[in-house]
Amino acid sequence: MAKTLKEKLADQIPKLREERTKLVKGHGDHVISQVSVAQAIGGMRGVKGMVCDTSVVEPDKGLIIRGRSILDLKDRLPEEIFWLLLLGELPTADELKGFQKQLKEYGEVPKYVWKVLKAMPKSSHPMAMLDTAILTMENESEFRKQYAKGLAKPDYWEPTLEDAMRLLGTIHTIAAGVYRIKYKKGDLIEPSKKLDWAADFAKMLGLPPKKGETATMMRLYLTLHCDHEGGNVSANTCHTVGSALSDPFYAVSAGLNGLAGPLHGLANQECLRWVLDTMEKFGGTPSEKQLEEYAWETLNSGKVVPGYGHAVLRVTDPRFTAFLDFGKKYLKKDPVFQTVALVYEVVPKVLRQVQKIKDPWPNVDAGSGAILYNYGLKEFEYYTVLFSVSRAMGMLSQQVLNRALGTPITRPKSVSTEWLKEQVK
């Protein structure tokens, strides 16, 4: 009989703890990073100061999940990705089936959550609705209940995993409910006992199935956005809050509040808006020359071309490549996708002529919005909710592992501007 996720994780944890203990005891004084004044003032960008084993982002390769390129995983189900994030290996067919069954068992959304959502102001942002629902569900936290009874530190990970399963089992249902309540799409749609996580999400949103295409799109979207190492705003915020032993409901809600910012999760809607504005300006998909001139017009006005450039990457984001390949297969006649593809051909050539731009290549946001738009999701402000459903996998897997390994509370030392001025004299 196939082992459960919890059983397999329990087998791994002693070795992981031993490995970390040896590193600290044997090499605790080894210096791995230096910090410049520019980094201290500029948001700690590039400072190596935390550990994240679920994924890394390599400047010349993009997102790597447990040693595997995200492009090699693009056809995998999100449930397989969560298993991989936690265990470092993909599940067998039997393990996957058992895990999916477990997720369904954790899939009931308490009725009080729907009452809270329906009582919120009609003008509430969908991200505020999702965050509020998750925070409201803190009432269900097994970690909080067990900790209050006197839980031993080595066992912290077990109720944390249970909370993670409950969150993962319900977040897509809650997110779909937010969509239907916020945009008056009709009654809530009950989750299916048969469909996989992503296909069920698409069904509960009420999107046209398009002969299974919509489910395929949603699987790809949720897989590609699953994790992005530990230093981005949402992951880092979730990590910091969780390091205080706040349960996953508190920590994930906090992380998603960071994801709601325009410099993080809201970026994909800005990319799509620029593409649609471009099409409106030219009465459809522009020519290469028109697009080149408009790109220069955008730059010369002091703006950026949304979706191009990345804090870490120095190549085309492989997640954009996956969306581009999907569009070439399924959206050949879609003018919005055609424009996105043309922007990819033209804009990097323009950006390479601007000396200060280090990365002229597209990131994932340059293509994701156009895909969602084609399948009926045209409410731009909702896009970050979709991002959140996926990114919950990364935040939750990181939190479970941190509890298993006894990662201490986050407490970096801050210095004053006066101190900096003294140091540079």
Protein backbone atom coordinates (compact mmCIF):
# COMPACT_ATOMS: atom_id res chain seq x y z
CA MET A 1 0.00 0.00 0.00
CA ALA A 2 1.34 3.44 -0.94
CA LYS A 3 2.56 5.66 1.90
CA THR A 4 0.81 8.94 2.62
CA LEU A 5 2.51 12.31 2.28
CA LYS A 6 2.80 12.53 6.08
CA GLU A 7 4.36 9.09 6.38
CA LYS A 8 6.95 9.80 3.69
CA LEU A 9 7.78 13.16 5.24
CA ALA A 10 8.19 11.51 8.65
CA ASP A 11 10.75 9.15 7.08
CA GLN A 12 12.77 12.06 5.67
CA ILE A 13 12.75 14.50 8.56
CA PRO A 14 15.39 12.82 10.81
CA LYS A 15 17.96 12.92 7.98
CA LEU A 16 17.12 16.54 7.17
CA ARG A 17 17.51 17.52 10.82
CA GLU A 18 20.85 15.73 11.08
CA GLU A 19 22.10 17.43 7.91
CA ARG A 20 21.19 20.90 9.21
CA THR A 21 22.71 20.23 12.64
CA LYS A 22 26.01 19.14 11.03
CA LEU A 23 26.11 22.28 8.88
CA VAL A 24 25.64 24.57 11.86
CA LYS A 25 28.08 22.73 14.13
CA GLY A 26 30.75 22.19 11.52
CA HIS A 27 30.50 25.35 9.44
CA GLY A 28 28.43 27.82 11.44
CA ASP A 29 31.06 30.57 11.16
CA HIS A 30 31.50 30.25 7.40
CA VAL A 31 30.60 33.53 5.64
CA ILE A 32 28.22 33.12 2.68
CA SER A 33 27.39 36.74 1.88
CA GLN A 34 28.53 40.34 2.23
CA VAL A 35 26.18 43.31 2.37
CA SER A 36 26.76 46.64 0.68
CA VAL A 37 25.25 49.98 1.63
CA ALA A 38 23.22 49.87 -1.60
CA GLN A 39 21.78 46.48 -0.65
CA ALA A 40 20.95 47.58 2.90
CA ILE A 41 19.09 50.62 1.59
CA GLY A 42 17.70 48.91 -1.51
CA GLY A 43 15.55 46.19 0.04
CA MET A 44 18.33 43.62 0.75
CA ARG A 45 18.28 42.58 -2.91
CA GLY A 46 20.71 39.76 -3.56
CA VAL A 47 21.71 39.33 0.09
CA LYS A 48 22.09 35.62 0.89
CA GLY A 49 20.52 35.41 4.32
CA MET A 50 17.92 32.64 4.42
CA VAL A 51 17.50 28.99 3.43
CA CYS A 52 14.79 27.67 1.11
CA ASP A 53 15.00 24.09 -0.13
CA THR A 54 11.76 23.93 -2.14
CA SER A 55 13.03 25.95 -5.11
CA VAL A 56 15.71 28.31 -6.39
CA VAL A 57 15.75 30.86 -9.20
CA GLU A 58 18.92 30.74 -11.29
CA PRO A 59 19.68 33.88 -13.35
CA ASP A 60 20.50 31.82 -16.45
CA LYS A 61 17.98 28.99 -15.98
CA GLY A 62 14.89 30.34 -14.22
CA LEU A 63 12.80 28.48 -11.66
CA ILE A 64 14.17 25.16 -10.44
CA ILE A 65 11.85 23.02 -8.29
CA ARG A 66 13.85 20.56 -6.20
CA GLY A 67 16.52 20.29 -8.90
CA ARG A 68 14.04 20.11 -11.81
CA SER A 69 13.45 22.88 -14.33
CA ILE A 70 9.91 24.21 -14.28
CA LEU A 71 9.74 23.55 -18.04
CA ASP A 72 10.21 19.85 -17.34
CA LEU A 73 7.28 19.98 -14.93
CA LYS A 74 4.81 22.04 -16.97
CA ASP A 75 2.62 19.03 -17.81
CA ARG A 76 2.41 17.82 -14.22
CA LEU A 77 -0.64 18.27 -12.00
CA PRO A 78 -0.36 20.86 -9.22
CA GLU A 79 -0.91 18.06 -6.67
CA GLU A 80 2.24 16.39 -7.97
CA ILE A 81 4.10 19.68 -7.61
CA PHE A 82 3.11 20.11 -3.97
CA TRP A 83 4.32 16.57 -3.26
CA LEU A 84 7.59 17.39 -5.03
CA LEU A 85 8.02 20.66 -3.10
CA LEU A 86 7.74 18.84 0.21
CA LEU A 87 9.53 15.58 -0.52
CA GLY A 88 11.92 16.30 -3.38
CA GLU A 89 10.39 13.54 -5.50
CA LEU A 90 7.29 13.12 -7.64
CA PRO A 91 4.55 10.78 -6.41
CA THR A 92 3.83 7.41 -7.93
CA ALA A 93 0.39 6.89 -9.46
CA ASP A 94 -0.87 5.26 -6.25
CA GLU A 95 0.64 7.96 -4.05
CA LEU A 96 -0.94 10.68 -6.19
CA LYS A 97 -4.34 9.00 -6.05
CA GLY A 98 -4.14 8.73 -2.27
CA PHE A 99 -3.01 12.33 -1.88
CA GLN A 100 -5.83 13.62 -4.07
CA LYS A 101 -8.30 11.65 -1.97
CA GLN A 102 -6.86 13.22 1.19
CA LEU A 103 -7.19 16.71 -0.24
CA LYS A 104 -10.86 16.05 -0.95
CA GLU A 105 -11.33 14.95 2.67
CA TYR A 106 -9.98 18.33 3.81
CA GLY A 107 -12.11 20.19 1.27
CA GLU A 108 -15.11 21.36 3.28
CA VAL A 109 -15.30 25.15 3.67
CA PRO A 110 -16.98 26.13 6.98
CA LYS A 111 -20.32 27.85 6.48
CA TYR A 112 -19.22 30.86 8.54
CA VAL A 113 -16.61 31.67 5.87
CA TRP A 114 -19.31 32.22 3.26
CA LYS A 115 -21.29 34.37 5.69
CA VAL A 116 -18.24 36.58 6.24
CA LEU A 117 -17.54 36.91 2.51
CA LYS A 118 -21.13 37.79 1.69
CA ALA A 119 -21.17 40.39 4.46
CA MET A 120 -18.13 42.25 3.11
CA PRO A 121 -18.62 45.57 1.24
CA LYS A 122 -19.51 45.09 -2.42
CA SER A 123 -16.49 47.23 -3.33
CA SER A 124 -14.04 44.91 -1.51
CA HIS A 125 -11.04 43.86 -3.58
CA PRO A 126 -11.10 40.11 -4.34
CA MET A 127 -7.67 39.74 -2.71
CA ALA A 128 -9.02 41.29 0.50
CA MET A 129 -11.88 38.81 0.33
CA LEU A 130 -9.55 35.82 -0.11
CA ASP A 131 -7.20 36.97 2.68
CA THR A 132 -10.13 37.59 5.02
CA ALA A 133 -11.58 34.15 4.33
CA ILE A 134 -8.27 32.44 5.08
CA LEU A 135 -7.79 34.46 8.26
CA THR A 136 -11.36 33.64 9.29
CA MET A 137 -10.56 29.95 8.87
CA GLU A 138 -7.83 30.29 11.49
CA ASN A 139 -10.59 29.05 13.76
CA GLU A 140 -9.89 25.61 12.25
CA SER A 141 -6.15 25.58 12.99
CA GLU A 142 -4.98 22.26 14.35
CA PHE A 143 -1.56 23.72 15.11
CA ARG A 144 -3.02 26.36 17.43
CA LYS A 145 -5.13 23.76 19.23
CA GLN A 146 -2.23 21.32 19.67
CA TYR A 147 0.25 24.03 20.68
CA ALA A 148 -2.15 25.23 23.39
CA LYS A 149 -2.16 21.68 24.83
CA GLY A 150 1.64 21.62 25.10
CA LEU A 151 2.99 20.31 21.79
CA ALA A 152 6.64 19.14 21.75
CA LYS A 153 8.89 21.14 19.40
CA PRO A 154 9.95 18.13 17.25
CA ASP A 155 6.25 17.50 16.54
CA TYR A 156 5.38 21.03 15.39
CA TRP A 157 5.41 19.95 11.76
CA GLU A 158 2.57 17.44 12.08
CA PRO A 159 -0.34 19.80 12.89
CA THR A 160 1.29 22.33 10.55
CA LEU A 161 0.99 19.77 7.75
CA GLU A 162 -2.63 19.17 8.72
CA ASP A 163 -3.35 22.91 8.52
CA ALA A 164 -1.55 22.99 5.17
CA MET A 165 -3.75 20.19 3.84
CA ARG A 166 -6.89 21.97 5.01
CA LEU A 167 -5.76 25.22 3.40
CA LEU A 168 -4.78 23.53 0.16
CA GLY A 169 -7.97 21.50 0.13
CA THR A 170 -10.17 24.60 0.43
CA ILE A 171 -8.35 27.60 -1.06
CA HIS A 172 -9.48 26.89 -4.63
CA THR A 173 -13.09 26.51 -3.48
CA ILE A 174 -12.88 29.79 -1.52
CA ALA A 175 -11.22 31.57 -4.44
CA ALA A 176 -13.93 30.37 -6.82
CA GLY A 177 -16.56 31.52 -4.34
CA VAL A 178 -14.92 34.96 -4.14
CA TYR A 179 -15.17 35.21 -7.92
CA ARG A 180 -18.84 34.28 -8.05
CA ILE A 181 -19.81 36.52 -5.11
CA LYS A 182 -17.76 39.53 -6.13
CA TYR A 183 -18.77 39.54 -9.80
CA LYS A 184 -22.36 38.32 -9.32
CA LYS A 185 -21.86 35.14 -11.32
CA GLY A 186 -24.70 33.25 -9.64
CA ASP A 187 -24.82 30.60 -6.95
CA LEU A 188 -21.70 28.96 -5.59
CA ILE A 189 -20.71 25.77 -7.42
CA GLU A 190 -20.00 22.76 -5.23
CA PRO A 191 -16.59 21.07 -5.53
CA SER A 192 -16.39 17.79 -7.41
CA LYS A 193 -15.43 14.50 -5.80
CA LYS A 194 -13.86 13.28 -9.04
CA LEU A 195 -11.99 16.16 -10.71
CA ASP A 196 -8.37 17.03 -10.01
CA TRP A 197 -7.55 20.22 -8.07
CA ALA A 198 -7.12 22.56 -11.07
CA ALA A 199 -9.98 21.15 -13.14
CA ASP A 200 -12.26 21.46 -10.12
CA PHE A 201 -11.20 25.09 -9.64
CA ALA A 202 -12.02 25.92 -13.27
CA LYS A 203 -15.41 24.22 -12.91
CA MET A 204 -16.26 26.08 -9.68
CA LEU A 205 -15.36 29.39 -11.31
CA GLY A 206 -18.01 28.58 -13.90
CA LEU A 207 -15.69 28.91 -16.91
CA PRO A 208 -16.68 27.32 -20.24
CA PRO A 209 -14.86 23.95 -20.40
CA LYS A 210 -13.92 24.24 -24.11
CA LYS A 211 -13.56 20.46 -24.46
CA GLY A 212 -11.12 20.24 -21.55
CA GLU A 213 -8.90 23.12 -22.68
CA THR A 214 -9.84 25.32 -19.74
CA ALA A 215 -8.85 22.64 -17.23
CA THR A 216 -5.54 22.15 -19.09
CA MET A 217 -4.91 25.89 -18.93
CA MET A 218 -5.64 26.02 -15.21
CA ARG A 219 -3.34 23.08 -14.47
CA LEU A 220 -0.54 24.86 -16.32
CA TYR A 221 -1.21 28.18 -14.60
CA LEU A 222 -1.26 26.70 -11.09
CA THR A 223 1.84 24.60 -11.73
CA LEU A 224 3.90 27.48 -13.14
CA HIS A 225 3.16 29.85 -10.24
CA CYS A 226 3.67 27.30 -7.43
CA ASP A 227 6.85 28.65 -5.84
CA HIS A 228 9.70 31.11 -6.44
CA GLU A 229 12.31 30.47 -3.75
CA GLY A 230 12.10 32.14 -0.32
CA GLY A 231 13.04 35.80 -0.76
CA ASN A 232 10.11 37.22 -2.74
CA VAL A 233 7.69 39.39 -0.78
CA SER A 234 4.91 36.82 -0.29
CA ALA A 235 7.18 33.88 0.58
CA ASN A 236 9.41 35.99 2.82
CA THR A 237 6.43 37.52 4.63
CA CYS A 238 4.83 34.11 5.15
CA HIS A 239 8.17 32.77 6.41
CA THR A 240 8.66 35.65 8.85
CA VAL A 241 5.16 35.42 10.30
CA GLY A 242 5.40 31.64 10.50
CA SER A 243 8.78 31.87 12.24
CA ALA A 244 6.97 33.37 15.24
CA LEU A 245 4.99 30.09 15.38
CA SER A 246 1.90 31.75 13.98
CA ASP A 247 -0.13 28.98 12.39
CA PRO A 248 -0.41 28.58 8.58
CA PHE A 249 -3.69 30.50 8.38
CA TYR A 250 -2.06 33.60 9.86
CA ALA A 251 1.13 33.16 7.85
CA VAL A 252 -0.44 32.47 4.45
CA SER A 253 -2.91 35.33 4.87
CA ALA A 254 0.03 37.63 5.63
CA GLY A 255 1.95 36.35 2.62
CA LEU A 256 -1.00 36.94 0.32
CA ASN A 257 -1.30 40.51 1.61
CA GLY A 258 2.21 40.98 0.21
CA LEU A 259 1.26 39.26 -3.02
CA ALA A 260 -1.52 41.85 -3.45
CA GLY A 261 1.02 44.63 -4.08
CA PRO A 262 1.46 46.12 -7.57
CA LEU A 263 5.21 45.33 -7.51
CA HIS A 264 4.47 41.64 -6.89
CA GLY A 265 1.26 39.77 -7.72
CA LEU A 266 -0.61 42.56 -9.49
CA ALA A 267 1.98 42.75 -12.27
CA ASN A 268 0.21 40.36 -14.68
CA GLN A 269 -2.86 42.57 -14.98
CA GLU A 270 -0.66 45.57 -15.81
CA CYS A 271 0.97 43.56 -18.60
CA LEU A 272 -2.36 42.61 -20.13
CA ARG A 273 -3.65 46.17 -19.83
CA TRP A 274 -0.63 47.44 -21.83
CA VAL A 275 -1.23 44.82 -24.53
CA LEU A 276 -4.93 45.73 -24.80
CA ASP A 277 -4.10 49.46 -24.87
CA THR A 278 -1.65 48.73 -27.68
CA MET A 279 -4.34 46.89 -29.66
CA GLU A 280 -6.83 49.69 -29.07
CA LYS A 281 -4.33 52.28 -30.29
CA PHE A 282 -3.70 50.42 -33.54
CA GLY A 283 -7.15 48.91 -34.07
CA GLY A 284 -5.95 45.34 -33.55
CA THR A 285 -2.59 43.57 -33.56
CA PRO A 286 0.01 46.16 -34.66
CA SER A 287 2.77 45.70 -37.21
CA GLU A 288 6.34 45.20 -36.00
CA LYS A 289 7.22 48.79 -36.89
CA GLN A 290 4.18 50.20 -35.07
CA LEU A 291 4.96 48.12 -32.00
CA GLU A 292 8.62 49.20 -32.01
CA GLU A 293 7.61 52.87 -32.17
CA TYR A 294 5.04 52.42 -29.40
CA ALA A 295 7.59 50.67 -27.19
CA TRP A 296 9.93 53.65 -27.57
CA GLU A 297 7.02 55.99 -26.89
CA THR A 298 6.32 54.12 -23.65
CA LEU A 299 9.97 54.25 -22.54
CA ASN A 300 10.47 57.90 -23.50
CA SER A 301 7.45 58.88 -21.43
CA GLY A 302 9.24 57.57 -18.34
CA LYS A 303 7.26 54.32 -18.13
CA VAL A 304 8.31 50.69 -18.51
CA VAL A 305 7.00 47.96 -20.78
CA PRO A 306 5.19 45.77 -18.23
CA GLY A 307 6.28 42.16 -18.02
CA TYR A 308 9.81 42.74 -19.29
CA GLY A 309 12.75 42.51 -16.89
CA HIS A 310 13.19 40.55 -13.66
CA ALA A 311 15.03 41.08 -10.38
CA VAL A 312 16.97 37.82 -10.74
CA LEU A 313 16.59 36.40 -14.26
CA ARG A 314 18.83 37.33 -17.16
CA VAL A 315 17.09 35.10 -19.71
CA THR A 316 13.54 34.63 -20.95
CA ASP A 317 11.52 33.33 -18.02
CA PRO A 318 10.87 29.64 -18.78
CA ARG A 319 7.37 30.08 -17.35
CA PHE A 320 6.70 32.63 -20.13
CA THR A 321 8.04 30.07 -22.61
CA ALA A 322 5.56 27.50 -21.28
CA PHE A 323 2.66 29.95 -21.73
CA LEU A 324 3.92 30.87 -25.20
CA ASP A 325 4.01 27.20 -26.20
CA PHE A 326 0.50 26.71 -24.83
CA GLY A 327 -0.76 29.71 -26.80
CA LYS A 328 0.82 28.49 -30.02
CA LYS A 329 -1.02 25.20 -29.58
CA TYR A 330 -4.44 26.43 -28.44
CA LEU A 331 -4.73 30.16 -29.21
CA LYS A 332 -3.44 30.49 -32.77
CA LYS A 333 -6.37 32.69 -33.82
CA ASP A 334 -6.59 34.82 -30.68
CA PRO A 335 -5.54 38.42 -31.48
CA VAL A 336 -4.53 39.15 -27.88
CA PHE A 337 -2.17 36.18 -27.82
CA GLN A 338 -0.86 37.13 -31.28
CA THR A 339 0.01 40.56 -29.89
CA VAL A 340 1.75 39.03 -26.86
CA ALA A 341 3.82 36.84 -29.22
CA LEU A 342 4.71 39.86 -31.37
CA VAL A 343 5.74 41.90 -28.31
CA TYR A 344 8.16 39.09 -27.49
CA GLU A 345 9.70 39.39 -30.94
CA VAL A 346 10.03 43.19 -30.86
CA VAL A 347 10.38 44.59 -27.34
CA PRO A 348 13.62 42.82 -26.25
CA LYS A 349 15.35 44.34 -29.31
CA VAL A 350 14.26 47.79 -28.14
CA LEU A 351 15.19 47.23 -24.51
CA ARG A 352 18.67 46.00 -25.38
CA GLN A 353 19.38 49.46 -26.73
CA VAL A 354 18.71 51.00 -23.31
CA GLN A 355 21.99 50.72 -21.45
CA LYS A 356 20.62 50.68 -17.90
CA ILE A 357 18.26 47.75 -18.57
CA LYS A 358 20.01 44.56 -17.45
CA ASP A 359 17.25 42.12 -18.37
CA PRO A 360 15.30 42.83 -21.59
CA TRP A 361 13.51 39.49 -21.53
CA PRO A 362 9.89 38.68 -20.58
CA ASN A 363 8.91 37.28 -17.20
CA VAL A 364 5.88 35.09 -16.53
CA ASP A 365 3.53 38.09 -16.21
CA ALA A 366 4.06 39.04 -19.85
CA GLY A 367 2.01 36.06 -21.01
CA SER A 368 -0.21 34.79 -18.21
CA GLY A 369 -2.88 37.51 -18.37
CA ALA A 370 -3.55 36.98 -22.06
CA ILE A 371 -4.12 33.28 -21.46
CA LEU A 372 -6.62 33.94 -18.65
CA TYR A 373 -8.39 36.58 -20.74
CA ASN A 374 -8.98 34.13 -23.57
CA TYR A 375 -10.67 31.60 -21.29
CA GLY A 376 -13.21 34.08 -19.95
CA LEU A 377 -11.46 35.59 -16.93
CA LYS A 378 -11.66 39.25 -17.89
CA GLU A 379 -11.86 40.77 -14.40
CA PHE A 380 -8.26 41.98 -14.10
CA GLU A 381 -8.26 42.55 -10.35
CA TYR A 382 -9.09 38.87 -9.81
CA TYR A 383 -5.88 37.65 -11.46
CA THR A 384 -3.87 37.90 -8.25
CA VAL A 385 -6.34 35.57 -6.55
CA LEU A 386 -5.50 32.91 -9.13
CA PHE A 387 -1.80 33.56 -8.45
CA SER A 388 -2.52 33.15 -4.73
CA VAL A 389 -4.16 29.74 -5.11
CA SER A 390 -1.01 28.48 -6.79
CA ARG A 391 1.56 30.24 -4.58
CA ALA A 392 -0.09 28.79 -1.47
CA MET A 393 1.64 25.52 -2.42
CA GLY A 394 5.07 27.09 -2.07
CA MET A 395 4.29 28.99 1.11
CA LEU A 396 2.74 25.97 2.82
CA SER A 397 5.48 23.53 1.83
CA GLN A 398 8.14 25.94 3.09
CA GLN A 399 6.33 26.39 6.40
CA VAL A 400 5.95 22.64 7.00
CA LEU A 401 9.67 22.09 6.34
CA ASN A 402 10.68 25.01 8.55
CA ARG A 403 8.64 23.56 11.42
CA ALA A 404 10.16 20.12 10.83
CA LEU A 405 13.68 21.53 10.95
CA GLY A 406 13.11 23.90 13.86
CA THR A 407 13.99 27.03 11.90
CA PRO A 408 14.35 29.88 14.43
CA ILE A 409 12.37 33.11 14.50
CA THR A 410 13.44 35.65 11.86
CA ARG A 411 15.20 38.60 13.48
CA PRO A 412 17.73 40.46 11.29
CA LYS A 413 19.62 43.42 12.78
CA SER A 414 18.72 46.86 11.49
CA VAL A 415 21.06 49.86 11.55
CA SER A 416 20.43 53.58 11.32
CA THR A 417 21.35 55.90 8.47
CA GLU A 418 23.75 57.64 10.86
CA TRP A 419 25.48 54.30 11.51
CA LEU A 420 25.87 53.78 7.77
CA LYS A 421 27.34 57.23 7.33
CA GLU A 422 29.89 56.53 10.04
CA GLN A 423 30.83 53.20 8.47
CA VAL A 424 31.56 54.67 5.04
CA LYS A 425 33.75 57.53 6.27
